Amino acid sequence: MVSKMRQDIKKLTQKKNFKINKQQQKNQNMFSLLLYKKLIGLIMKNGKKNLAIKIVNGALKKVKEESNFPINYILYNVFNALKTSVEIRKVKVRRSFHLVPFPVKKERKTFLASKWIIASIKKIKKKKNFRKISYSS
């Protein structure tokens, strides 16, 4: 999955007419700021926010150097790629449980995407924290 995302990024960077209109850019900036804050909050341990900021900024800087895209665009696309629209929940009917699909709200989508990012980071071993994040995205 990671190699496929990198190939897609390379294809986009090779296009000469790559443009984003102003409304899309404004939406990406606001959305990516919220995602940035959420990512820092999830990485932070024992109230060490400065360390979490250094880790996230280092990872985003490395991804930006590899892909030549702005950080806002990278965050926006990563979270949009990981968003889901349906979630399966257990519902008890009489004495048995049934798995029922439910629509997912916007806040829940961002939470699940950030949770999956953090889970994939924790699986990677023998690398520094900011390299783990940049490798997984």
C-alpha atoms as a PDB file:
ATOM      1  CA  MET A   1       0.000   0.000   0.000  1.00  0.00           C
ATOM      2  CA  VAL A   2       2.823   2.392   0.847  1.00  0.00           C
ATOM      3  CA  SER A   3       4.600   1.757  -2.449  1.00  0.00           C
ATOM      4  CA  LYS A   4       1.364   2.301  -4.372  1.00  0.00           C
ATOM      5  CA  MET A   5       0.804   5.661  -2.649  1.00  0.00           C
ATOM      6  CA  ARG A   6       4.364   6.701  -3.498  1.00  0.00           C
ATOM      7  CA  GLN A   7       3.824   5.715  -7.143  1.00  0.00           C
ATOM      8  CA  ASP A   8       0.624   7.781  -7.256  1.00  0.00           C
ATOM      9  CA  ILE A   9       2.466  10.772  -5.792  1.00  0.00           C
ATOM     10  CA  LYS A  10       5.207  10.427  -8.411  1.00  0.00           C
ATOM     11  CA  LYS A  11       2.612  10.325 -11.191  1.00  0.00           C
ATOM     12  CA  LEU A  12       0.977  13.485  -9.880  1.00  0.00           C
ATOM     13  CA  THR A  13       4.280  15.325  -9.606  1.00  0.00           C
ATOM     14  CA  GLN A  14       5.179  14.449 -13.190  1.00  0.00           C
ATOM     15  CA  LYS A  15       2.061  16.175 -14.514  1.00  0.00           C
ATOM     16  CA  LYS A  16       2.849  19.718 -15.627  1.00  0.00           C
ATOM     17  CA  ASN A  17      -0.685  21.085 -15.345  1.00  0.00           C
ATOM     18  CA  PHE A  18      -1.182  20.147 -11.704  1.00  0.00           C
ATOM     19  CA  LYS A  19      -3.345  22.916 -10.196  1.00  0.00           C
ATOM     20  CA  ILE A  20      -5.598  23.298  -7.181  1.00  0.00           C
ATOM     21  CA  ASN A  21      -8.312  25.934  -7.240  1.00  0.00           C
ATOM     22  CA  LYS A  22      -8.534  28.453  -4.377  1.00  0.00           C
ATOM     23  CA  GLN A  23     -11.638  26.973  -2.725  1.00  0.00           C
ATOM     24  CA  GLN A  24     -10.064  23.496  -2.550  1.00  0.00           C
ATOM     25  CA  GLN A  25      -6.887  24.989  -1.136  1.00  0.00           C
ATOM     26  CA  LYS A  26      -8.812  26.895   1.559  1.00  0.00           C
ATOM     27  CA  ASN A  27     -10.734  23.756   2.573  1.00  0.00           C
ATOM     28  CA  GLN A  28      -7.527  21.726   2.650  1.00  0.00           C
ATOM     29  CA  ASN A  29      -5.801  24.304   4.857  1.00  0.00           C
ATOM     30  CA  MET A  30      -8.585  24.355   7.457  1.00  0.00           C
ATOM     31  CA  PHE A  31      -9.037  20.585   7.421  1.00  0.00           C
ATOM     32  CA  SER A  32      -5.316  19.824   7.548  1.00  0.00           C
ATOM     33  CA  LEU A  33      -4.828  22.200  10.501  1.00  0.00           C
ATOM     34  CA  LEU A  34      -7.412  20.196  12.459  1.00  0.00           C
ATOM     35  CA  LEU A  35      -5.764  16.922  11.418  1.00  0.00           C
ATOM     36  CA  TYR A  36      -2.343  18.271  12.371  1.00  0.00           C
ATOM     37  CA  LYS A  37      -3.558  19.157  15.860  1.00  0.00           C
ATOM     38  CA  LYS A  38      -5.295  15.796  16.246  1.00  0.00           C
ATOM     39  CA  LEU A  39      -2.155  13.924  15.152  1.00  0.00           C
ATOM     40  CA  ILE A  40      -0.037  15.834  17.665  1.00  0.00           C
ATOM     41  CA  GLY A  41      -2.561  15.087  20.411  1.00  0.00           C
ATOM     42  CA  LEU A  42      -2.499  11.364  19.651  1.00  0.00           C
ATOM     43  CA  ILE A  43       1.292  11.151  19.537  1.00  0.00           C
ATOM     44  CA  MET A  44       1.796  13.208  22.700  1.00  0.00           C
ATOM     45  CA  LYS A  45       2.646  11.226  25.844  1.00  0.00           C
ATOM     46  CA  ASN A  46       2.809  12.527  29.421  1.00  0.00           C
ATOM     47  CA  GLY A  47       2.090  16.105  28.309  1.00  0.00           C
ATOM     48  CA  LYS A  48       5.249  16.410  26.182  1.00  0.00           C
ATOM     49  CA  LYS A  49       3.729  18.429  23.378  1.00  0.00           C
ATOM     50  CA  ASN A  50       7.008  19.903  22.095  1.00  0.00           C
ATOM     51  CA  LEU A  51       8.402  16.430  21.479  1.00  0.00           C
ATOM     52  CA  ALA A  52       5.226  15.403  19.622  1.00  0.00           C
ATOM     53  CA  ILE A  53       5.427  18.557  17.477  1.00  0.00           C
ATOM     54  CA  LYS A  54       9.072  17.803  16.590  1.00  0.00           C
ATOM     55  CA  ILE A  55       8.173  14.233  15.611  1.00  0.00           C
ATOM     56  CA  VAL A  56       5.220  15.245  13.427  1.00  0.00           C
ATOM     57  CA  ASN A  57       7.071  18.169  11.810  1.00  0.00           C
ATOM     58  CA  GLY A  58      10.091  15.977  11.046  1.00  0.00           C
ATOM     59  CA  ALA A  59       7.901  13.347   9.425  1.00  0.00           C
ATOM     60  CA  LEU A  60       5.936  15.868   7.358  1.00  0.00           C
ATOM     61  CA  LYS A  61       9.138  17.590   6.282  1.00  0.00           C
ATOM     62  CA  LYS A  62      10.596  14.292   5.069  1.00  0.00           C
ATOM     63  CA  VAL A  63       7.431  13.391   3.144  1.00  0.00           C
ATOM     64  CA  LYS A  64       7.335  16.884   1.629  1.00  0.00           C
ATOM     65  CA  GLU A  65      10.923  16.532   0.388  1.00  0.00           C
ATOM     66  CA  GLU A  66      10.146  13.176  -1.240  1.00  0.00           C
ATOM     67  CA  SER A  67       6.871  14.186  -2.869  1.00  0.00           C
ATOM     68  CA  ASN A  68       7.334  17.940  -3.604  1.00  0.00           C
ATOM     69  CA  PHE A  69       3.781  18.660  -2.391  1.00  0.00           C
ATOM     70  CA  PRO A  70       2.736  21.129   0.328  1.00  0.00           C
ATOM     71  CA  ILE A  71       2.169  19.682   3.786  1.00  0.00           C
ATOM     72  CA  ASN A  72      -1.524  20.658   3.765  1.00  0.00           C
ATOM     73  CA  TYR A  73      -2.093  18.695   0.576  1.00  0.00           C
ATOM     74  CA  ILE A  74      -0.289  15.634   1.955  1.00  0.00           C
ATOM     75  CA  LEU A  75      -2.290  15.555   5.211  1.00  0.00           C
ATOM     76  CA  TYR A  76      -5.564  16.132   3.393  1.00  0.00           C
ATOM     77  CA  ASN A  77      -4.978  13.288   0.921  1.00  0.00           C
ATOM     78  CA  VAL A  78      -3.710  10.826   3.515  1.00  0.00           C
ATOM     79  CA  PHE A  79      -6.766  11.283   5.700  1.00  0.00           C
ATOM     80  CA  ASN A  80      -9.153  11.225   2.738  1.00  0.00           C
ATOM     81  CA  ALA A  81      -7.622   7.971   1.518  1.00  0.00           C
ATOM     82  CA  LEU A  82      -8.149   6.376   4.935  1.00  0.00           C
ATOM     83  CA  LYS A  83     -11.697   7.587   5.567  1.00  0.00           C
ATOM     84  CA  THR A  84     -14.458   5.035   5.663  1.00  0.00           C
ATOM     85  CA  SER A  85     -18.176   5.612   5.193  1.00  0.00           C
ATOM     86  CA  VAL A  86     -19.586   2.451   6.808  1.00  0.00           C
ATOM     87  CA  GLU A  87     -18.824   0.798  10.120  1.00  0.00           C
ATOM     88  CA  ILE A  88     -20.042  -2.611  11.281  1.00  0.00           C
ATOM     89  CA  ARG A  89     -21.483  -2.813  14.794  1.00  0.00           C
ATOM     90  CA  LYS A  90     -22.921  -5.617  16.849  1.00  0.00           C
ATOM     91  CA  VAL A  91     -26.645  -5.316  17.531  1.00  0.00           C
ATOM     92  CA  LYS A  92     -28.373  -7.615  19.986  1.00  0.00           C
ATOM     93  CA  VAL A  93     -31.718  -8.965  18.788  1.00  0.00           C
ATOM     94  CA  ARG A  94     -33.353 -11.205  21.343  1.00  0.00           C
ATOM     95  CA  ARG A  95     -30.598 -13.624  22.332  1.00  0.00           C
ATOM     96  CA  SER A  96     -28.297 -13.331  19.351  1.00  0.00           C
ATOM     97  CA  PHE A  97     -25.944 -10.688  18.005  1.00  0.00           C
ATOM     98  CA  HIS A  98     -26.086  -9.484  14.403  1.00  0.00           C
ATOM     99  CA  LEU A  99     -23.459  -7.478  12.543  1.00  0.00           C
ATOM    100  CA  VAL A 100     -25.167  -4.428  11.067  1.00  0.00           C
ATOM    101  CA  PRO A 101     -23.582  -1.738   8.870  1.00  0.00           C
ATOM    102  CA  PHE A 102     -23.986   1.828  10.152  1.00  0.00           C
ATOM    103  CA  PRO A 103     -23.001   5.111   8.478  1.00  0.00           C
ATOM    104  CA  VAL A 104     -20.005   6.831  10.067  1.00  0.00           C
ATOM    105  CA  LYS A 105     -20.089  10.498  11.125  1.00  0.00           C
ATOM    106  CA  LYS A 106     -17.388  12.949  10.056  1.00  0.00           C
ATOM    107  CA  GLU A 107     -15.720  13.128  13.487  1.00  0.00           C
ATOM    108  CA  ARG A 108     -15.649   9.352  13.744  1.00  0.00           C
ATOM    109  CA  LYS A 109     -14.064   9.099  10.268  1.00  0.00           C
ATOM    110  CA  THR A 110     -11.184  11.365  11.242  1.00  0.00           C
ATOM    111  CA  PHE A 111     -10.734   9.518  14.532  1.00  0.00           C
ATOM    112  CA  LEU A 112     -10.579   6.129  12.802  1.00  0.00           C
ATOM    113  CA  ALA A 113      -8.138   7.396  10.171  1.00  0.00           C
ATOM    114  CA  SER A 114      -5.812   8.884  12.791  1.00  0.00           C
ATOM    115  CA  LYS A 115      -6.097   5.727  14.889  1.00  0.00           C
ATOM    116  CA  TRP A 116      -5.081   3.587  11.900  1.00  0.00           C
ATOM    117  CA  ILE A 117      -2.110   5.859  11.189  1.00  0.00           C
ATOM    118  CA  ILE A 118      -0.894   5.589  14.791  1.00  0.00           C
ATOM    119  CA  ALA A 119      -1.411   1.797  14.751  1.00  0.00           C
ATOM    120  CA  SER A 120       0.655   1.432  11.573  1.00  0.00           C
ATOM    121  CA  ILE A 121       3.402   3.586  13.099  1.00  0.00           C
ATOM    122  CA  LYS A 122       3.595   1.373  16.174  1.00  0.00           C
ATOM    123  CA  LYS A 123       4.037  -1.753  14.017  1.00  0.00           C
ATOM    124  CA  ILE A 124       7.210  -0.371  12.408  1.00  0.00           C
ATOM    125  CA  LYS A 125      10.273  -1.119  14.520  1.00  0.00           C
ATOM    126  CA  LYS A 126      13.963  -0.123  14.513  1.00  0.00           C
ATOM    127  CA  LYS A 127      13.385   3.405  13.185  1.00  0.00           C
ATOM    128  CA  LYS A 128      13.168   6.836  14.764  1.00  0.00           C
ATOM    129  CA  ASN A 129       9.698   8.204  15.430  1.00  0.00           C
ATOM    130  CA  PHE A 130       9.572  10.763  12.623  1.00  0.00           C
ATOM    131  CA  ARG A 131      10.900   8.210  10.129  1.00  0.00           C
ATOM    132  CA  LYS A 132       8.170   5.778  11.175  1.00  0.00           C
ATOM    133  CA  ILE A 133       5.458   8.354  10.462  1.00  0.00           C
ATOM    134  CA  SER A 134       6.907   9.379   7.105  1.00  0.00           C
ATOM    135  CA  TYR A 135       7.350   5.719   6.090  1.00  0.00           C
ATOM    136  CA  SER A 136       3.728   4.854   6.903  1.00  0.00           C
ATOM    137  CA  SER A 137       2.245   7.771   4.956  1.00  0.00           C
END
